[in-house]
N, C-alpha and C. Protein backbone atom coordinates (compact mmCIF):
# COMPACT_ATOMS: atom_id res chain seq x y z
N UNK A 1 111.45 122.68 106.32
CA UNK A 1 110.72 122.35 105.08
C UNK A 1 109.51 121.48 105.41
N UNK A 2 109.62 120.23 105.72
CA UNK A 2 108.51 119.37 106.05
C UNK A 2 108.24 119.48 107.59
N UNK A 3 106.96 119.38 107.88
CA UNK A 3 106.62 119.38 109.36
C UNK A 3 107.03 118.04 109.92
N UNK A 4 107.03 117.96 111.24
CA UNK A 4 107.42 116.74 111.93
C UNK A 4 106.43 115.62 111.54
N UNK A 5 105.14 115.92 111.49
CA UNK A 5 104.12 114.89 111.13
C UNK A 5 104.28 114.45 109.68
N UNK A 6 104.55 115.39 108.78
CA UNK A 6 104.75 115.03 107.37
C UNK A 6 105.98 114.10 107.25
N UNK A 7 107.03 114.39 107.97
CA UNK A 7 108.20 113.50 107.93
C UNK A 7 107.85 112.13 108.52
N UNK A 8 107.13 112.12 109.62
CA UNK A 8 106.73 110.83 110.27
C UNK A 8 105.90 109.96 109.32
N UNK A 9 104.92 110.57 108.68
CA UNK A 9 104.09 109.84 107.72
C UNK A 9 104.97 109.32 106.55
N UNK A 10 105.79 110.20 106.05
CA UNK A 10 106.65 109.79 104.93
C UNK A 10 107.52 108.61 105.26
N UNK A 11 108.12 108.59 106.44
CA UNK A 11 108.98 107.51 106.87
C UNK A 11 108.21 106.20 106.90
N UNK A 12 107.02 106.21 107.48
CA UNK A 12 106.20 105.00 107.53
C UNK A 12 105.85 104.45 106.16
N UNK A 13 105.40 105.38 105.28
CA UNK A 13 105.00 104.93 103.95
C UNK A 13 106.22 104.52 103.16
N UNK A 14 107.36 105.21 103.31
CA UNK A 14 108.55 104.84 102.57
C UNK A 14 109.08 103.47 103.02
N UNK A 15 108.76 103.08 104.24
CA UNK A 15 109.17 101.76 104.75
C UNK A 15 108.22 100.66 104.29
N UNK A 16 107.16 101.04 103.56
CA UNK A 16 106.25 100.08 102.99
C UNK A 16 104.90 99.92 103.67
N UNK A 17 104.64 100.71 104.74
CA UNK A 17 103.32 100.64 105.34
C UNK A 17 102.29 101.25 104.40
N UNK A 18 101.10 100.73 104.42
CA UNK A 18 99.98 101.30 103.65
C UNK A 18 99.49 102.55 104.35
N UNK A 19 98.67 103.33 103.63
CA UNK A 19 98.06 104.48 104.26
C UNK A 19 97.25 104.09 105.49
N UNK A 20 96.51 102.96 105.38
CA UNK A 20 95.69 102.47 106.49
C UNK A 20 96.53 102.07 107.67
N UNK A 21 97.62 101.35 107.45
CA UNK A 21 98.50 100.93 108.52
C UNK A 21 99.17 102.12 109.17
N UNK A 22 99.60 103.06 108.35
CA UNK A 22 100.22 104.31 108.89
C UNK A 22 99.21 105.05 109.73
N UNK A 23 97.99 105.21 109.24
CA UNK A 23 96.96 105.91 109.94
C UNK A 23 96.64 105.23 111.32
N UNK A 24 96.57 103.93 111.29
CA UNK A 24 96.31 103.16 112.52
C UNK A 24 97.47 103.35 113.52
N UNK A 25 98.66 103.27 113.03
CA UNK A 25 99.83 103.38 113.91
C UNK A 25 99.92 104.78 114.53
N UNK A 26 99.55 105.81 113.79
CA UNK A 26 99.64 107.18 114.22
C UNK A 26 98.36 107.71 114.88
N UNK A 27 97.32 106.92 114.83
CA UNK A 27 96.04 107.35 115.42
C UNK A 27 95.32 108.42 114.58
N UNK A 28 95.49 108.35 113.27
CA UNK A 28 94.95 109.31 112.35
C UNK A 28 94.05 108.64 111.34
N UNK A 29 93.32 109.41 110.54
CA UNK A 29 92.54 108.87 109.49
C UNK A 29 93.38 108.73 108.20
N UNK A 30 92.94 107.86 107.30
CA UNK A 30 93.65 107.72 106.02
C UNK A 30 93.65 109.02 105.24
N UNK A 31 92.51 109.80 105.39
CA UNK A 31 92.44 111.08 104.73
C UNK A 31 93.53 112.00 105.19
N UNK A 32 93.80 112.02 106.50
CA UNK A 32 94.86 112.85 107.06
C UNK A 32 96.24 112.42 106.52
N UNK A 33 96.45 111.12 106.43
CA UNK A 33 97.69 110.61 105.86
C UNK A 33 97.89 111.12 104.45
N UNK A 34 96.82 111.01 103.64
CA UNK A 34 96.87 111.51 102.29
C UNK A 34 97.16 113.00 102.23
N UNK A 35 96.57 113.77 103.11
CA UNK A 35 96.80 115.21 103.19
C UNK A 35 98.25 115.52 103.49
N UNK A 36 98.83 114.82 104.46
CA UNK A 36 100.23 115.06 104.82
C UNK A 36 101.15 114.75 103.63
N UNK A 37 100.85 113.66 102.94
CA UNK A 37 101.69 113.27 101.82
C UNK A 37 101.53 114.23 100.61
N UNK A 38 100.32 114.75 100.40
CA UNK A 38 100.10 115.74 99.34
C UNK A 38 100.88 117.01 99.67
N UNK A 39 100.84 117.45 100.92
CA UNK A 39 101.61 118.61 101.33
C UNK A 39 103.09 118.39 101.15
N UNK A 40 103.57 117.23 101.52
CA UNK A 40 104.98 116.92 101.36
C UNK A 40 105.37 116.93 99.89
N UNK A 41 104.54 116.39 99.01
CA UNK A 41 104.84 116.43 97.55
C UNK A 41 104.89 117.86 97.08
N UNK A 42 103.94 118.67 97.52
CA UNK A 42 103.93 120.08 97.06
C UNK A 42 105.16 120.83 97.55
N UNK A 43 105.55 120.63 98.80
CA UNK A 43 106.72 121.32 99.37
C UNK A 43 108.02 120.90 98.77
N UNK A 44 108.15 119.63 98.36
CA UNK A 44 109.38 119.09 97.84
C UNK A 44 109.44 119.15 96.33
N UNK A 45 108.31 119.27 95.67
CA UNK A 45 108.27 119.24 94.21
C UNK A 45 108.26 117.83 93.69
N UNK A 46 108.09 116.85 94.56
CA UNK A 46 108.00 115.42 94.14
C UNK A 46 106.68 115.20 93.41
N UNK A 47 106.74 114.41 92.35
CA UNK A 47 105.57 114.13 91.58
C UNK A 47 104.87 112.84 91.95
N UNK A 48 105.49 112.04 92.81
CA UNK A 48 104.91 110.74 93.17
C UNK A 48 105.39 110.35 94.55
N UNK A 49 104.75 109.31 95.04
CA UNK A 49 105.13 108.74 96.33
C UNK A 49 106.53 108.10 96.21
N UNK A 50 106.80 107.53 95.06
CA UNK A 50 108.16 106.98 94.84
C UNK A 50 109.25 108.06 95.00
N UNK A 51 108.99 109.19 94.41
CA UNK A 51 109.97 110.27 94.54
C UNK A 51 110.13 110.73 95.98
N UNK A 52 109.02 110.77 96.70
CA UNK A 52 109.05 111.13 98.14
C UNK A 52 109.83 110.08 98.91
N UNK A 53 109.64 108.83 98.62
CA UNK A 53 110.35 107.77 99.30
C UNK A 53 111.85 107.88 99.06
N UNK A 54 112.26 108.20 97.85
CA UNK A 54 113.66 108.39 97.52
C UNK A 54 114.23 109.55 98.34
N UNK A 55 113.50 110.62 98.43
CA UNK A 55 113.93 111.77 99.22
C UNK A 55 114.09 111.40 100.69
N UNK A 56 113.18 110.56 101.19
CA UNK A 56 113.22 110.13 102.60
C UNK A 56 114.51 109.35 102.85
N UNK A 57 114.89 108.47 101.96
CA UNK A 57 116.11 107.72 102.13
C UNK A 57 117.34 108.55 101.91
N UNK A 58 117.32 109.48 100.96
CA UNK A 58 118.46 110.36 100.71
C UNK A 58 118.75 111.21 101.92
N UNK A 59 117.71 111.64 102.58
CA UNK A 59 117.84 112.52 103.78
C UNK A 59 117.82 111.76 105.08
N UNK A 60 117.84 110.43 104.97
CA UNK A 60 117.89 109.56 106.13
C UNK A 60 116.83 109.91 107.17
N UNK A 61 115.60 110.18 106.72
CA UNK A 61 114.54 110.57 107.62
C UNK A 61 114.21 109.51 108.64
N UNK A 62 114.34 108.23 108.26
CA UNK A 62 113.98 107.17 109.17
C UNK A 62 115.05 106.84 110.21
N UNK A 63 116.18 107.48 110.12
CA UNK A 63 117.25 107.17 111.09
C UNK A 63 117.45 108.21 112.15
N UNK A 64 116.52 109.14 112.25
CA UNK A 64 116.67 110.22 113.24
C UNK A 64 116.06 109.80 114.56
């Protein structure tokens, strides 16, 4: 479903990192972070970042 990078971005943001902090940590631009999260919302049907974060915790994405 989600690409590895989409999952990685989602985990960082779900843990409370800002787009800028996530971008810095991953060596990407904030625009790329936004793109990954938009794709993740589209693929999952989530309407918000909060819904994506809930999905991340439900599927234990941060514990892999």
